[in-house]
Amino acid sequence: MSRIRLLAAAAAVVCSTSALADIKNVDIYGVVAFGLMSTEGADGHHNNEVLNETRIGFRGTKELAKFPGNTFIWQIESGFLGPNGLTSQPYESGTLGTRDTWAGVTGGYGKLRIGRLLTPYGETLDWPFANGGVNPLVEATNVPGGGSYVRVSDQIRWDSPKFGGFTVSASYGRGDRDASVDNGFIARNSNSTSIVGHYTIAGGTLHAGYERNSHRSQNSDNDNWLVAFQSPSFGGFSAYGAYLHGASDVKAPITAGSTVYPVGDYDRATYQLALQYANDDWVIKVSHARNDDLDGPVTDNGGHISAAQALYIVDPALVVYARYVKASNPATTAGWWNKSRILLGLEYAF
């Protein structure tokens, strides 16, 4: 009996030691983010709301003893609450696993992950090009039955190691939702392929990418292209910009608002440019994005967004900022297009 107890105690020690070792390789991270936003609607009325994009995540690593040079990596991240506590999108549910949640391995071949994560195309657009208030034009691409993805759930993604100043990322994702929502999540029996290359030279970076979405909605396929740059900093001053092109093949009429888009091919170009100044205390940027006219069976006059933002660094982990956005889209008469938006916010990262 004493021998059994001794073996049980030894096993408990081994298990507890192993568990502690694993916990040491787990990080808790997140963002506490709040904002006060006032949006002027088409009727001149101001809609005021509190934004809450607070979220938390867990990530970890584990060296694989039987496969030297390979590391198991994982991440679980929560969503955040939508405006006024609404949960109109899955990532606004505030539950674990609704944002970037994945598992994978890393080694000399780069990084390989599966799960719900950013697409290479969406990640490149998201920062810095869509940042600062111009994301409604930059991320959407604005063609009927089209638009790029930021993240996809059923996805496998590979990120290469560095080859000099060059890296490449590629992904493939599959959709399984029944909903037929234009510019929503992937429709059923759909797939999304994304590839982006990055080349860093003399402190600046060049980007080129492509995204193919089969069944972007139940009635359309979609292609997106991007070419972008980020300049080096000269005395705190820098610039970045992007050229985007979106195209869609609409196979059955699509209704968006009061407009019906008939069967046919549509395409549109989008341009974005930003100037930024940064020092130890401040980051100040002005950004502008515009659409060309829509080319297809139904056309419109495009639109543009201008934004200015001043961000103050209270602490390396805490920033406060003020943002003003002015939008104009002659083809749209509803919502906050043709009007303005003011946002005061703070973000604390841990």
Protein backbone atom coordinates (compact mmCIF):
# COMPACT_ATOMS: atom_id res chain seq x y z
CA MET A 1 0.00 0.00 0.00
CA SER A 2 2.83 2.36 0.89
CA ARG A 3 4.46 1.68 -2.49
CA ILE A 4 1.23 2.57 -4.32
CA ARG A 5 0.94 5.77 -2.32
CA LEU A 6 4.57 6.64 -3.11
CA LEU A 7 4.04 6.10 -6.84
CA ALA A 8 0.84 8.16 -6.76
CA ALA A 9 2.64 11.00 -4.99
CA ALA A 10 5.49 10.88 -7.49
CA ALA A 11 3.03 10.97 -10.40
CA ALA A 12 1.26 13.95 -8.84
CA VAL A 13 4.56 15.82 -8.52
CA VAL A 14 5.44 15.09 -12.15
CA CYS A 15 2.01 16.20 -13.38
CA SER A 16 2.00 19.37 -11.30
CA THR A 17 5.53 20.26 -12.42
CA SER A 18 4.56 19.74 -16.06
CA ALA A 19 1.44 21.83 -15.63
CA LEU A 20 3.38 24.67 -14.04
CA ALA A 21 5.90 24.57 -16.87
CA ASP A 22 3.08 24.88 -19.42
CA ILE A 23 1.42 27.73 -17.53
CA LYS A 24 4.69 29.66 -17.58
CA ASN A 25 4.43 29.66 -21.38
CA VAL A 26 0.92 31.14 -21.35
CA ASP A 27 0.36 34.89 -21.69
CA ILE A 28 -2.78 36.81 -20.83
CA TYR A 29 -3.26 39.87 -23.01
CA GLY A 30 -6.00 42.23 -24.03
CA VAL A 31 -7.23 45.74 -24.66
CA VAL A 32 -9.45 47.99 -22.56
CA ALA A 33 -10.97 50.28 -25.18
CA PHE A 34 -13.79 52.80 -24.86
CA GLY A 35 -14.95 55.68 -27.00
CA LEU A 36 -17.55 58.44 -27.14
CA MET A 37 -18.82 58.83 -30.70
CA SER A 38 -21.16 61.39 -32.23
CA THR A 39 -22.38 60.80 -35.78
CA GLU A 40 -24.34 63.34 -37.82
CA GLY A 41 -27.02 61.55 -39.86
CA ALA A 42 -28.44 62.53 -43.23
CA ASP A 43 -31.29 64.38 -41.48
CA GLY A 44 -28.85 66.48 -39.41
CA HIS A 45 -29.63 64.58 -36.19
CA HIS A 46 -26.63 63.56 -34.05
CA ASN A 47 -26.53 59.95 -32.88
CA ASN A 48 -24.40 59.68 -29.72
CA GLU A 49 -23.14 56.36 -28.40
CA VAL A 50 -20.49 54.75 -26.19
CA LEU A 51 -18.21 52.27 -27.96
CA ASN A 52 -16.84 49.33 -25.99
CA GLU A 53 -14.25 47.23 -27.83
CA THR A 54 -12.68 45.76 -24.68
CA ARG A 55 -11.46 42.20 -25.17
CA ILE A 56 -9.16 39.62 -23.60
CA GLY A 57 -7.08 36.76 -24.93
CA PHE A 58 -4.77 33.92 -24.01
CA ARG A 59 -1.81 32.70 -26.04
CA GLY A 60 0.89 30.15 -25.44
CA THR A 61 3.79 28.13 -26.83
CA LYS A 62 5.15 24.63 -26.21
CA GLU A 63 8.41 23.23 -27.53
CA LEU A 64 7.77 19.82 -29.11
CA ALA A 65 10.16 17.38 -27.43
CA LYS A 66 9.87 14.75 -30.17
CA PHE A 67 10.27 17.28 -32.98
CA PRO A 68 13.22 19.55 -32.14
CA GLY A 69 13.06 22.97 -33.78
CA ASN A 70 9.25 22.95 -33.85
CA THR A 71 6.99 24.83 -31.46
CA PHE A 72 3.27 24.38 -30.89
CA ILE A 73 1.50 27.77 -30.77
CA TRP A 74 -2.08 28.66 -29.90
CA GLN A 75 -4.36 31.59 -29.12
CA ILE A 76 -7.91 32.08 -27.78
CA GLU A 77 -9.42 35.56 -28.01
CA SER A 78 -12.77 37.01 -27.00
CA GLY A 79 -15.02 39.26 -29.01
CA PHE A 80 -16.30 42.59 -27.76
CA LEU A 81 -19.69 44.16 -27.11
CA GLY A 82 -21.32 45.95 -30.02
CA PRO A 83 -22.88 49.43 -29.92
CA ASN A 84 -25.32 49.80 -27.03
CA GLY A 85 -24.70 46.17 -26.04
CA LEU A 86 -26.03 44.80 -29.34
CA THR A 87 -24.57 41.61 -30.80
CA SER A 88 -25.42 41.95 -34.47
CA GLN A 89 -22.16 40.30 -35.51
CA PRO A 90 -20.55 37.15 -34.04
CA TYR A 91 -17.41 39.05 -33.04
CA GLU A 92 -19.59 41.36 -30.93
CA SER A 93 -20.81 38.55 -28.67
CA GLY A 94 -18.13 39.14 -26.03
CA THR A 95 -17.48 35.38 -25.76
CA LEU A 96 -14.19 33.52 -26.06
CA GLY A 97 -13.27 32.27 -29.51
CA THR A 98 -15.13 34.85 -31.57
CA ARG A 99 -12.03 36.78 -32.67
CA ASP A 100 -8.56 35.39 -33.48
CA THR A 101 -8.65 31.84 -32.11
CA TRP A 102 -6.30 29.30 -33.64
CA ALA A 103 -3.63 26.60 -33.19
CA GLY A 104 -0.50 25.85 -35.18
CA VAL A 105 3.21 25.18 -35.36
CA THR A 106 6.25 27.30 -36.11
CA GLY A 107 9.77 26.41 -37.19
CA GLY A 108 12.32 27.03 -39.92
CA TYR A 109 9.54 26.79 -42.51
CA GLY A 110 7.69 29.75 -40.98
CA LYS A 111 4.33 29.62 -39.22
CA LEU A 112 1.37 27.35 -40.03
CA ARG A 113 -2.00 27.93 -38.31
CA ILE A 114 -5.60 26.73 -38.53
CA GLY A 115 -8.75 28.23 -37.01
CA ARG A 116 -10.35 31.67 -37.01
CA LEU A 117 -7.75 34.30 -37.83
CA LEU A 118 -6.99 37.30 -39.99
CA THR A 119 -6.57 36.70 -43.70
CA PRO A 120 -3.26 37.99 -45.16
CA TYR A 121 -5.20 40.43 -47.35
CA GLY A 122 -7.43 41.65 -44.52
CA GLU A 123 -4.54 41.96 -42.07
CA THR A 124 -2.54 44.10 -44.51
CA LEU A 125 -5.49 46.45 -45.10
CA ASP A 126 -6.46 46.64 -41.45
CA TRP A 127 -3.16 48.21 -40.36
CA PRO A 128 -2.27 50.85 -41.16
CA PHE A 129 -4.27 51.60 -44.31
CA ALA A 130 -7.82 51.29 -42.90
CA ASN A 131 -6.87 52.87 -39.58
CA GLY A 132 -7.80 56.38 -38.55
CA GLY A 133 -11.40 56.50 -39.80
CA VAL A 134 -11.22 55.61 -43.50
CA ASN A 135 -12.03 51.90 -43.12
CA PRO A 136 -15.59 52.10 -44.60
CA LEU A 137 -14.03 52.62 -48.04
CA VAL A 138 -10.71 50.82 -47.65
CA GLU A 139 -11.94 47.52 -46.19
CA ALA A 140 -15.25 47.24 -48.06
CA THR A 141 -13.88 47.84 -51.61
CA ASN A 142 -17.48 48.85 -52.43
CA VAL A 143 -18.60 46.70 -55.35
CA PRO A 144 -22.01 44.96 -55.27
CA GLY A 145 -21.64 41.35 -54.18
CA GLY A 146 -18.00 41.97 -53.26
CA GLY A 147 -15.71 43.17 -50.51
CA SER A 148 -12.65 41.82 -48.74
CA TYR A 149 -12.55 39.80 -45.52
CA VAL A 150 -10.74 40.79 -42.33
CA ARG A 151 -10.87 37.31 -40.79
CA VAL A 152 -12.32 33.92 -41.72
CA SER A 153 -13.23 31.04 -39.37
CA ASP A 154 -12.51 27.79 -41.26
CA GLN A 155 -9.05 28.80 -42.41
CA ILE A 156 -5.52 27.50 -42.83
CA ARG A 157 -2.76 30.11 -43.09
CA TRP A 158 0.98 29.98 -43.76
CA ASP A 159 3.44 32.82 -43.04
CA SER A 160 6.90 32.38 -44.51
CA PRO A 161 10.22 33.04 -42.78
CA LYS A 162 12.15 36.08 -43.99
CA PHE A 163 14.03 35.75 -47.27
CA GLY A 164 16.23 38.83 -47.03
CA GLY A 165 13.66 41.61 -46.87
CA PHE A 166 10.86 39.53 -48.41
CA THR A 167 8.03 37.62 -46.70
CA VAL A 168 4.82 36.09 -48.02
CA SER A 169 1.58 34.96 -46.37
CA ALA A 170 -1.11 32.76 -47.92
CA SER A 171 -4.41 31.36 -46.66
CA TYR A 172 -7.43 29.33 -47.69
CA GLY A 173 -10.77 29.50 -45.87
CA ARG A 174 -14.10 27.76 -46.28
CA GLY A 175 -17.53 29.10 -45.37
CA ASP A 176 -20.43 27.08 -43.98
CA ARG A 177 -23.15 29.63 -43.17
CA ASP A 178 -26.63 29.39 -44.66
CA ALA A 179 -27.29 33.12 -44.62
CA SER A 180 -27.34 34.98 -47.93
CA VAL A 181 -26.04 38.35 -46.80
CA ASP A 182 -24.34 40.70 -49.25
CA ASN A 183 -21.05 41.95 -47.77
CA GLY A 184 -21.67 39.74 -44.71
CA PHE A 185 -19.81 36.58 -43.75
CA ILE A 186 -19.03 33.85 -46.25
CA ALA A 187 -22.10 32.17 -47.74
CA ARG A 188 -22.55 28.40 -47.71
CA ASN A 189 -20.34 26.31 -50.04
CA SER A 190 -17.95 29.24 -50.46
CA ASN A 191 -14.21 29.63 -50.18
CA SER A 192 -11.71 32.46 -49.86
CA THR A 193 -8.08 32.42 -51.01
CA SER A 194 -5.67 35.18 -50.00
CA ILE A 195 -1.97 35.85 -50.69
CA VAL A 196 0.15 38.92 -49.90
CA GLY A 197 3.87 39.61 -50.32
CA HIS A 198 5.85 42.17 -48.33
CA TYR A 199 9.27 43.62 -49.15
CA THR A 200 11.14 45.82 -46.66
CA ILE A 201 13.99 48.00 -47.88
CA ALA A 202 15.71 51.08 -46.40
CA GLY A 203 13.16 51.33 -43.59
CA GLY A 204 10.14 51.27 -45.90
CA THR A 205 7.83 48.42 -46.91
CA LEU A 206 6.06 47.53 -50.17
CA HIS A 207 2.99 45.28 -50.26
CA ALA A 208 1.19 43.45 -53.08
CA GLY A 209 -1.76 41.10 -52.61
CA TYR A 210 -4.69 39.25 -54.13
CA GLU A 211 -7.88 37.75 -52.71
CA ARG A 212 -10.35 35.45 -54.49
CA ASN A 213 -13.79 34.85 -52.97
CA SER A 214 -16.05 32.22 -54.52
CA HIS A 215 -19.68 32.76 -53.44
CA ARG A 216 -18.82 36.04 -51.68
CA SER A 217 -22.58 36.16 -51.42
CA GLN A 218 -24.90 33.42 -52.67
CA ASN A 219 -25.24 35.36 -55.92
CA SER A 220 -21.68 36.53 -56.60
CA ASP A 221 -17.98 35.80 -56.88
CA ASN A 222 -15.40 38.46 -56.07
CA ASP A 223 -11.72 39.36 -56.70
CA ASN A 224 -9.64 41.97 -54.85
CA TRP A 225 -6.14 43.34 -55.56
CA LEU A 226 -3.91 45.70 -53.60
CA VAL A 227 -0.59 47.52 -54.04
CA ALA A 228 0.58 49.56 -51.06
CA PHE A 229 3.58 51.24 -49.44
CA GLN A 230 4.80 52.46 -46.05
CA SER A 231 7.63 54.99 -46.13
CA PRO A 232 10.50 55.19 -43.65
CA SER A 233 10.35 57.95 -41.03
CA PHE A 234 12.15 61.23 -41.74
CA GLY A 235 12.43 63.25 -38.54
CA GLY A 236 9.17 61.76 -37.30
CA PHE A 237 7.31 62.30 -40.59
CA SER A 238 6.13 59.34 -42.67
CA ALA A 239 3.52 58.42 -45.26
CA TYR A 240 1.60 55.36 -46.36
CA GLY A 241 -0.90 54.66 -49.10
CA ALA A 242 -2.69 51.96 -51.06
CA TYR A 243 -4.30 51.29 -54.44
CA LEU A 244 -7.14 48.76 -54.30
CA HIS A 245 -9.21 47.21 -57.04
CA GLY A 246 -12.37 45.19 -56.47
CA ALA A 247 -14.37 43.22 -59.03
CA SER A 248 -17.48 41.07 -58.75
CA ASP A 249 -19.40 38.69 -60.98
CA VAL A 250 -23.07 39.02 -60.02
CA LYS A 251 -24.99 35.92 -61.14
CA ALA A 252 -28.44 36.90 -59.87
CA PRO A 253 -29.86 40.33 -58.98
CA ILE A 254 -28.66 41.76 -55.65
CA THR A 255 -30.63 44.34 -53.69
CA ALA A 256 -28.74 46.79 -51.46
CA GLY A 257 -30.94 49.43 -49.88
CA SER A 258 -33.15 50.85 -52.61
CA THR A 259 -30.78 49.84 -55.45
CA VAL A 260 -31.11 46.62 -57.43
CA TYR A 261 -27.88 45.44 -59.11
CA PRO A 262 -28.68 43.23 -62.13
CA VAL A 263 -26.59 40.32 -63.41
CA GLY A 264 -23.20 41.40 -64.76
CA ASP A 265 -19.60 42.30 -64.00
CA TYR A 266 -18.78 45.22 -61.69
CA ASP A 267 -15.47 46.79 -60.72
CA ARG A 268 -14.14 49.81 -58.89
CA ALA A 269 -10.77 51.28 -57.84
CA THR A 270 -10.09 52.76 -54.40
CA TYR A 271 -7.17 54.99 -53.36
CA GLN A 272 -5.88 55.78 -49.87
CA LEU A 273 -3.10 58.10 -48.69
CA ALA A 274 -2.05 59.21 -45.20
CA LEU A 275 0.59 61.52 -43.73
CA GLN A 276 1.76 61.01 -40.15
CA TYR A 277 3.96 62.73 -37.59
CA ALA A 278 5.11 60.85 -34.46
CA ASN A 279 7.32 61.63 -31.47
CA ASP A 280 7.58 60.31 -27.90
CA ASP A 281 4.29 61.94 -26.88
CA TRP A 282 2.11 62.40 -29.95
CA VAL A 283 1.02 60.61 -33.14
CA ILE A 284 -0.84 62.93 -35.52
CA LYS A 285 -2.17 61.75 -38.86
CA VAL A 286 -4.40 62.90 -41.69
CA SER A 287 -5.83 60.34 -44.09
CA HIS A 288 -7.92 60.41 -47.24
CA ALA A 289 -9.60 57.63 -49.23
CA ARG A 290 -11.73 57.83 -52.35
CA ASN A 291 -13.60 55.53 -54.72
CA ASP A 292 -13.73 55.80 -58.48
CA ASP A 293 -17.15 55.59 -60.11
CA LEU A 294 -18.62 52.09 -60.17
CA ASP A 295 -18.20 50.39 -63.56
CA GLY A 296 -20.97 47.94 -64.48
CA PRO A 297 -24.63 47.59 -65.50
CA VAL A 298 -25.47 50.04 -62.69
CA THR A 299 -23.09 52.94 -61.97
CA ASP A 300 -22.63 55.55 -59.25
CA ASN A 301 -20.40 58.56 -58.64
CA GLY A 302 -18.13 57.03 -56.01
CA GLY A 303 -17.29 58.90 -52.83
CA HIS A 304 -14.53 59.88 -50.43
CA ILE A 305 -13.61 60.06 -46.75
CA SER A 306 -11.19 62.47 -45.05
CA ALA A 307 -10.04 61.98 -41.46
CA ALA A 308 -7.74 63.67 -38.94
CA GLN A 309 -6.59 62.11 -35.68
CA ALA A 310 -4.43 63.25 -32.76
CA LEU A 311 -3.25 60.53 -30.36
CA TYR A 312 -1.48 61.25 -27.05
CA ILE A 313 0.72 58.61 -25.44
CA VAL A 314 -0.07 58.80 -21.71
CA ASP A 315 1.99 55.68 -21.01
CA PRO A 316 3.57 53.03 -23.26
CA ALA A 317 0.42 50.95 -22.56
CA LEU A 318 -2.21 53.74 -22.54
CA VAL A 319 -3.24 56.18 -25.26
CA VAL A 320 -6.07 58.70 -25.66
CA TYR A 321 -7.13 60.12 -29.01
CA ALA A 322 -9.52 62.42 -30.84
CA ARG A 323 -10.72 61.78 -34.40
CA TYR A 324 -12.78 63.77 -36.89
CA VAL A 325 -14.16 62.12 -40.03
CA LYS A 326 -15.91 63.77 -42.98
CA ALA A 327 -17.55 61.52 -45.57
CA SER A 328 -19.18 62.18 -48.92
CA ASN A 329 -20.87 59.73 -51.26
CA PRO A 330 -23.27 61.25 -53.81
CA ALA A 331 -24.81 57.83 -54.54
CA THR A 332 -25.88 57.34 -50.93
CA THR A 333 -28.48 59.47 -49.16
CA ALA A 334 -28.93 57.47 -45.94
CA GLY A 335 -26.72 56.86 -42.93
CA TRP A 336 -23.82 59.08 -42.01
CA TRP A 337 -22.47 59.48 -45.55
CA ASN A 338 -22.27 63.12 -46.64
CA LYS A 339 -22.03 64.01 -42.94
CA SER A 340 -19.44 63.92 -40.14
CA ARG A 341 -18.33 61.84 -37.17
CA ILE A 342 -16.38 62.76 -34.01
CA LEU A 343 -14.76 60.14 -31.78
CA LEU A 344 -12.98 60.55 -28.43
CA GLY A 345 -11.38 57.34 -27.21
CA LEU A 346 -8.85 55.58 -25.03
CA GLU A 347 -7.06 52.24 -25.30
CA TYR A 348 -5.07 50.42 -22.63
CA ALA A 349 -3.13 47.34 -23.72
CA PHE A 350 -1.96 44.66 -21.31
